[in-house]
């Protein structure tokens, strides 16, 4: 599940940044946190009512969603630095 979600997230990041032409890091930040919140809300609506305890959910599943903003912000940073090869991350 984690592997397929990561690949799908990467695919969607590529598609999204094809339509963005400025403020890449800001867009990555907004996109990442939006997607993360959406995933957390969907999980709360589906998993918790099915009996999954929040105390079990967060360390097992919820923290994994932090990879979404990490990927989107880093993608934005890479695009922002694309025309500035001398700048370090």
N, C-alpha and C. Protein backbone atom coordinates (compact mmCIF):
# COMPACT_ATOMS: atom_id res chain seq x y z
N UNK A 1 0.82 -1.20 0.00
CA UNK A 1 0.00 0.00 0.00
C UNK A 1 0.86 1.26 0.00
N UNK A 2 1.89 1.29 0.85
CA UNK A 2 2.74 2.47 0.94
C UNK A 2 3.47 2.71 -0.37
N UNK A 3 3.94 1.65 -0.99
CA UNK A 3 4.68 1.80 -2.25
C UNK A 3 3.76 2.32 -3.34
N UNK A 4 2.58 1.76 -3.48
CA UNK A 4 1.67 2.22 -4.53
C UNK A 4 1.21 3.65 -4.26
N UNK A 5 0.98 4.00 -3.00
CA UNK A 5 0.58 5.38 -2.67
C UNK A 5 1.70 6.36 -2.99
N UNK A 6 2.94 5.97 -2.73
CA UNK A 6 4.08 6.84 -3.03
C UNK A 6 4.21 7.07 -4.52
N UNK A 7 4.10 6.01 -5.31
CA UNK A 7 4.20 6.15 -6.76
C UNK A 7 3.05 6.99 -7.31
N UNK A 8 1.85 6.78 -6.80
CA UNK A 8 0.70 7.54 -7.27
C UNK A 8 0.85 9.01 -6.90
N UNK A 9 1.34 9.28 -5.69
CA UNK A 9 1.59 10.66 -5.27
C UNK A 9 2.61 11.31 -6.18
N UNK A 10 3.68 10.62 -6.49
CA UNK A 10 4.72 11.16 -7.38
C UNK A 10 4.13 11.46 -8.76
N UNK A 11 3.31 10.57 -9.27
CA UNK A 11 2.66 10.78 -10.57
C UNK A 11 1.80 12.05 -10.55
N UNK A 12 1.01 12.20 -9.48
CA UNK A 12 0.14 13.38 -9.37
C UNK A 12 0.94 14.67 -9.20
N UNK A 13 2.07 14.59 -8.50
CA UNK A 13 2.93 15.76 -8.36
C UNK A 13 3.45 16.21 -9.72
N UNK A 14 3.87 15.27 -10.53
CA UNK A 14 4.35 15.60 -11.89
C UNK A 14 3.24 16.27 -12.69
N UNK A 15 2.05 15.68 -12.65
CA UNK A 15 0.92 16.26 -13.39
C UNK A 15 0.59 17.67 -12.89
N UNK A 16 0.60 17.86 -11.57
CA UNK A 16 0.24 19.17 -11.00
C UNK A 16 1.26 20.23 -11.37
N UNK A 17 2.53 19.93 -11.23
CA UNK A 17 3.55 20.94 -11.49
C UNK A 17 3.71 21.27 -12.97
N UNK A 18 3.10 20.50 -13.85
CA UNK A 18 3.11 20.86 -15.27
C UNK A 18 2.26 22.11 -15.53
N UNK A 19 1.29 22.38 -14.64
CA UNK A 19 0.43 23.55 -14.85
C UNK A 19 0.85 24.74 -13.98
N UNK A 20 1.85 24.55 -13.12
CA UNK A 20 2.33 25.63 -12.26
C UNK A 20 3.53 26.28 -12.93
N UNK A 21 3.57 27.62 -12.93
CA UNK A 21 4.69 28.29 -13.59
C UNK A 21 5.46 29.26 -12.69
N UNK A 22 5.09 29.33 -11.40
CA UNK A 22 5.83 30.18 -10.46
C UNK A 22 5.48 29.77 -9.04
N UNK A 23 6.22 30.30 -8.08
CA UNK A 23 5.99 30.00 -6.66
C UNK A 23 5.95 28.50 -6.39
N UNK A 24 6.93 27.78 -6.89
CA UNK A 24 6.92 26.32 -6.81
C UNK A 24 6.93 25.80 -5.37
N UNK A 25 7.75 26.41 -4.52
CA UNK A 25 7.82 25.92 -3.14
C UNK A 25 6.51 26.19 -2.41
N UNK A 26 5.96 27.38 -2.60
CA UNK A 26 4.67 27.71 -1.98
C UNK A 26 3.58 26.76 -2.46
N UNK A 27 3.55 26.50 -3.76
CA UNK A 27 2.56 25.58 -4.32
C UNK A 27 2.76 24.17 -3.76
N UNK A 28 4.02 23.75 -3.64
CA UNK A 28 4.31 22.43 -3.07
C UNK A 28 3.87 22.33 -1.63
N UNK A 29 4.08 23.39 -0.87
CA UNK A 29 3.67 23.43 0.53
C UNK A 29 2.15 23.33 0.65
N UNK A 30 1.44 24.16 -0.10
CA UNK A 30 -0.02 24.14 -0.06
C UNK A 30 -0.59 22.81 -0.53
N UNK A 31 -0.07 22.31 -1.64
CA UNK A 31 -0.54 21.05 -2.19
C UNK A 31 -0.30 19.89 -1.22
N UNK A 32 0.88 19.83 -0.66
CA UNK A 32 1.23 18.74 0.24
C UNK A 32 0.36 18.70 1.48
N UNK A 33 0.17 19.86 2.08
CA UNK A 33 -0.66 19.88 3.29
C UNK A 33 -2.13 19.65 2.98
N UNK A 34 -2.59 20.12 1.83
CA UNK A 34 -3.97 19.85 1.43
C UNK A 34 -4.18 18.35 1.25
N UNK A 35 -3.30 17.70 0.51
CA UNK A 35 -3.42 16.26 0.29
C UNK A 35 -3.31 15.49 1.59
N UNK A 36 -2.40 15.90 2.47
CA UNK A 36 -2.24 15.21 3.74
C UNK A 36 -3.51 15.31 4.58
N UNK A 37 -4.06 16.51 4.68
CA UNK A 37 -5.28 16.72 5.46
C UNK A 37 -6.44 15.93 4.86
N UNK A 38 -6.54 15.93 3.53
CA UNK A 38 -7.60 15.17 2.87
C UNK A 38 -7.49 13.68 3.22
N UNK A 39 -6.28 13.14 3.18
CA UNK A 39 -6.08 11.73 3.51
C UNK A 39 -6.42 11.44 4.96
N UNK A 40 -6.00 12.32 5.85
CA UNK A 40 -6.30 12.11 7.28
C UNK A 40 -7.80 12.17 7.54
N UNK A 41 -8.48 13.12 6.92
CA UNK A 41 -9.94 13.23 7.10
C UNK A 41 -10.64 11.99 6.56
N UNK A 42 -10.25 11.56 5.36
CA UNK A 42 -10.86 10.36 4.79
C UNK A 42 -10.63 9.14 5.68
N UNK A 43 -9.44 9.03 6.24
CA UNK A 43 -9.18 7.92 7.15
C UNK A 43 -10.05 8.01 8.40
N UNK A 44 -10.18 9.20 8.95
CA UNK A 44 -11.00 9.37 10.16
C UNK A 44 -12.46 9.01 9.88
N UNK A 45 -12.92 9.31 8.68
CA UNK A 45 -14.31 9.03 8.33
C UNK A 45 -14.52 7.53 8.10
N UNK A 46 -13.50 6.85 7.59
CA UNK A 46 -13.68 5.43 7.26
C UNK A 46 -13.10 4.47 8.29
N UNK A 47 -11.88 4.71 8.74
CA UNK A 47 -11.22 3.73 9.61
C UNK A 47 -11.69 3.79 11.06
N UNK A 48 -11.83 4.99 11.60
CA UNK A 48 -12.21 5.11 13.01
C UNK A 48 -13.60 4.53 13.27
N UNK A 49 -14.61 4.84 12.43
CA UNK A 49 -15.92 4.21 12.67
C UNK A 49 -15.90 2.68 12.54
N UNK A 50 -14.92 2.15 11.82
CA UNK A 50 -14.83 0.70 11.66
C UNK A 50 -14.11 0.05 12.84
N UNK A 51 -13.76 0.83 13.85
CA UNK A 51 -13.17 0.25 15.05
C UNK A 51 -11.68 0.48 15.22
N UNK A 52 -11.04 1.19 14.32
CA UNK A 52 -9.61 1.47 14.46
C UNK A 52 -9.42 2.56 15.50
N UNK A 53 -8.68 2.28 16.54
CA UNK A 53 -8.44 3.26 17.59
C UNK A 53 -7.46 4.32 17.09
N UNK A 54 -7.70 5.58 17.44
CA UNK A 54 -6.84 6.67 17.00
C UNK A 54 -5.41 6.47 17.50
N UNK A 55 -5.28 5.92 18.71
CA UNK A 55 -3.95 5.64 19.26
C UNK A 55 -3.18 4.62 18.44
N UNK A 56 -3.88 3.70 17.80
CA UNK A 56 -3.23 2.73 16.91
C UNK A 56 -3.03 3.30 15.52
N UNK A 57 -3.97 4.13 15.09
CA UNK A 57 -3.95 4.68 13.74
C UNK A 57 -2.74 5.59 13.50
N UNK A 58 -2.51 6.53 14.41
CA UNK A 58 -1.46 7.53 14.18
C UNK A 58 -0.08 6.94 13.94
N UNK A 59 0.42 6.06 14.82
CA UNK A 59 1.76 5.53 14.55
C UNK A 59 1.81 4.53 13.39
N UNK A 60 0.73 3.83 13.13
CA UNK A 60 0.73 2.82 12.08
C UNK A 60 0.50 3.40 10.70
N UNK A 61 -0.38 4.38 10.58
CA UNK A 61 -0.79 4.89 9.28
C UNK A 61 -0.59 6.40 9.17
N UNK A 62 -1.10 7.13 10.14
CA UNK A 62 -1.16 8.59 10.07
C UNK A 62 0.16 9.28 9.86
N UNK A 63 1.21 8.85 10.54
CA UNK A 63 2.51 9.50 10.39
C UNK A 63 3.09 9.30 8.99
N UNK A 64 2.69 8.26 8.32
CA UNK A 64 3.17 8.02 6.96
C UNK A 64 2.74 9.10 5.98
N UNK A 65 1.66 9.78 6.31
CA UNK A 65 1.18 10.85 5.43
C UNK A 65 2.09 12.07 5.43
N UNK A 66 3.03 12.12 6.35
CA UNK A 66 4.00 13.22 6.34
C UNK A 66 4.89 13.17 5.10
N UNK A 67 4.93 12.02 4.45
CA UNK A 67 5.73 11.92 3.23
C UNK A 67 5.12 12.74 2.08
N UNK A 68 3.83 13.00 2.15
CA UNK A 68 3.19 13.76 1.06
C UNK A 68 3.70 15.18 1.00
N UNK A 69 3.63 15.98 2.09
CA UNK A 69 4.19 17.33 1.97
C UNK A 69 5.70 17.32 1.75
N UNK A 70 6.39 16.31 2.28
CA UNK A 70 7.84 16.23 2.03
C UNK A 70 8.11 16.12 0.54
N UNK A 71 7.35 15.27 -0.14
CA UNK A 71 7.55 15.09 -1.59
C UNK A 71 7.17 16.34 -2.37
N UNK A 72 6.04 16.96 -2.02
CA UNK A 72 5.58 18.11 -2.80
C UNK A 72 6.48 19.34 -2.58
N UNK A 73 6.91 19.55 -1.35
CA UNK A 73 7.78 20.68 -1.06
C UNK A 73 9.13 20.50 -1.75
N UNK A 74 9.68 19.29 -1.68
CA UNK A 74 10.96 19.04 -2.35
C UNK A 74 10.85 19.16 -3.86
N UNK A 75 9.74 18.72 -4.42
CA UNK A 75 9.53 18.89 -5.87
C UNK A 75 9.50 20.37 -6.22
N UNK A 76 8.82 21.16 -5.40
CA UNK A 76 8.78 22.60 -5.63
C UNK A 76 10.15 23.23 -5.53
N UNK A 77 10.94 22.80 -4.55
CA UNK A 77 12.30 23.32 -4.37
C UNK A 77 13.18 22.97 -5.56
N UNK A 78 13.05 21.76 -6.05
CA UNK A 78 13.82 21.34 -7.22
C UNK A 78 13.47 22.20 -8.42
N UNK A 79 12.18 22.42 -8.64
CA UNK A 79 11.76 23.25 -9.77
C UNK A 79 12.20 24.70 -9.62
N UNK A 80 12.16 25.20 -8.41
CA UNK A 80 12.58 26.58 -8.18
C UNK A 80 14.08 26.74 -8.42
N UNK A 81 14.85 25.71 -8.10
CA UNK A 81 16.30 25.76 -8.30
C UNK A 81 16.72 25.36 -9.71
N UNK A 82 15.78 24.93 -10.51
CA UNK A 82 16.10 24.43 -11.86
C UNK A 82 16.91 25.43 -12.67
N UNK A 83 16.55 26.69 -12.59
CA UNK A 83 17.25 27.71 -13.36
C UNK A 83 18.35 28.39 -12.56
N UNK A 84 18.63 27.88 -11.35
CA UNK A 84 19.69 28.41 -10.50
C UNK A 84 20.62 27.27 -10.10
N UNK A 85 21.43 26.76 -11.00
CA UNK A 85 22.23 25.57 -10.68
C UNK A 85 23.27 25.78 -9.58
N UNK A 86 23.65 27.03 -9.28
CA UNK A 86 24.65 27.27 -8.25
C UNK A 86 24.08 27.25 -6.85
N UNK A 87 22.77 27.38 -6.72
CA UNK A 87 22.14 27.45 -5.41
C UNK A 87 22.04 26.06 -4.78
N UNK A 88 22.31 25.99 -3.50
CA UNK A 88 22.22 24.73 -2.75
C UNK A 88 20.83 24.60 -2.15
N UNK A 89 20.42 23.36 -1.91
CA UNK A 89 19.11 23.12 -1.30
C UNK A 89 19.13 23.51 0.14
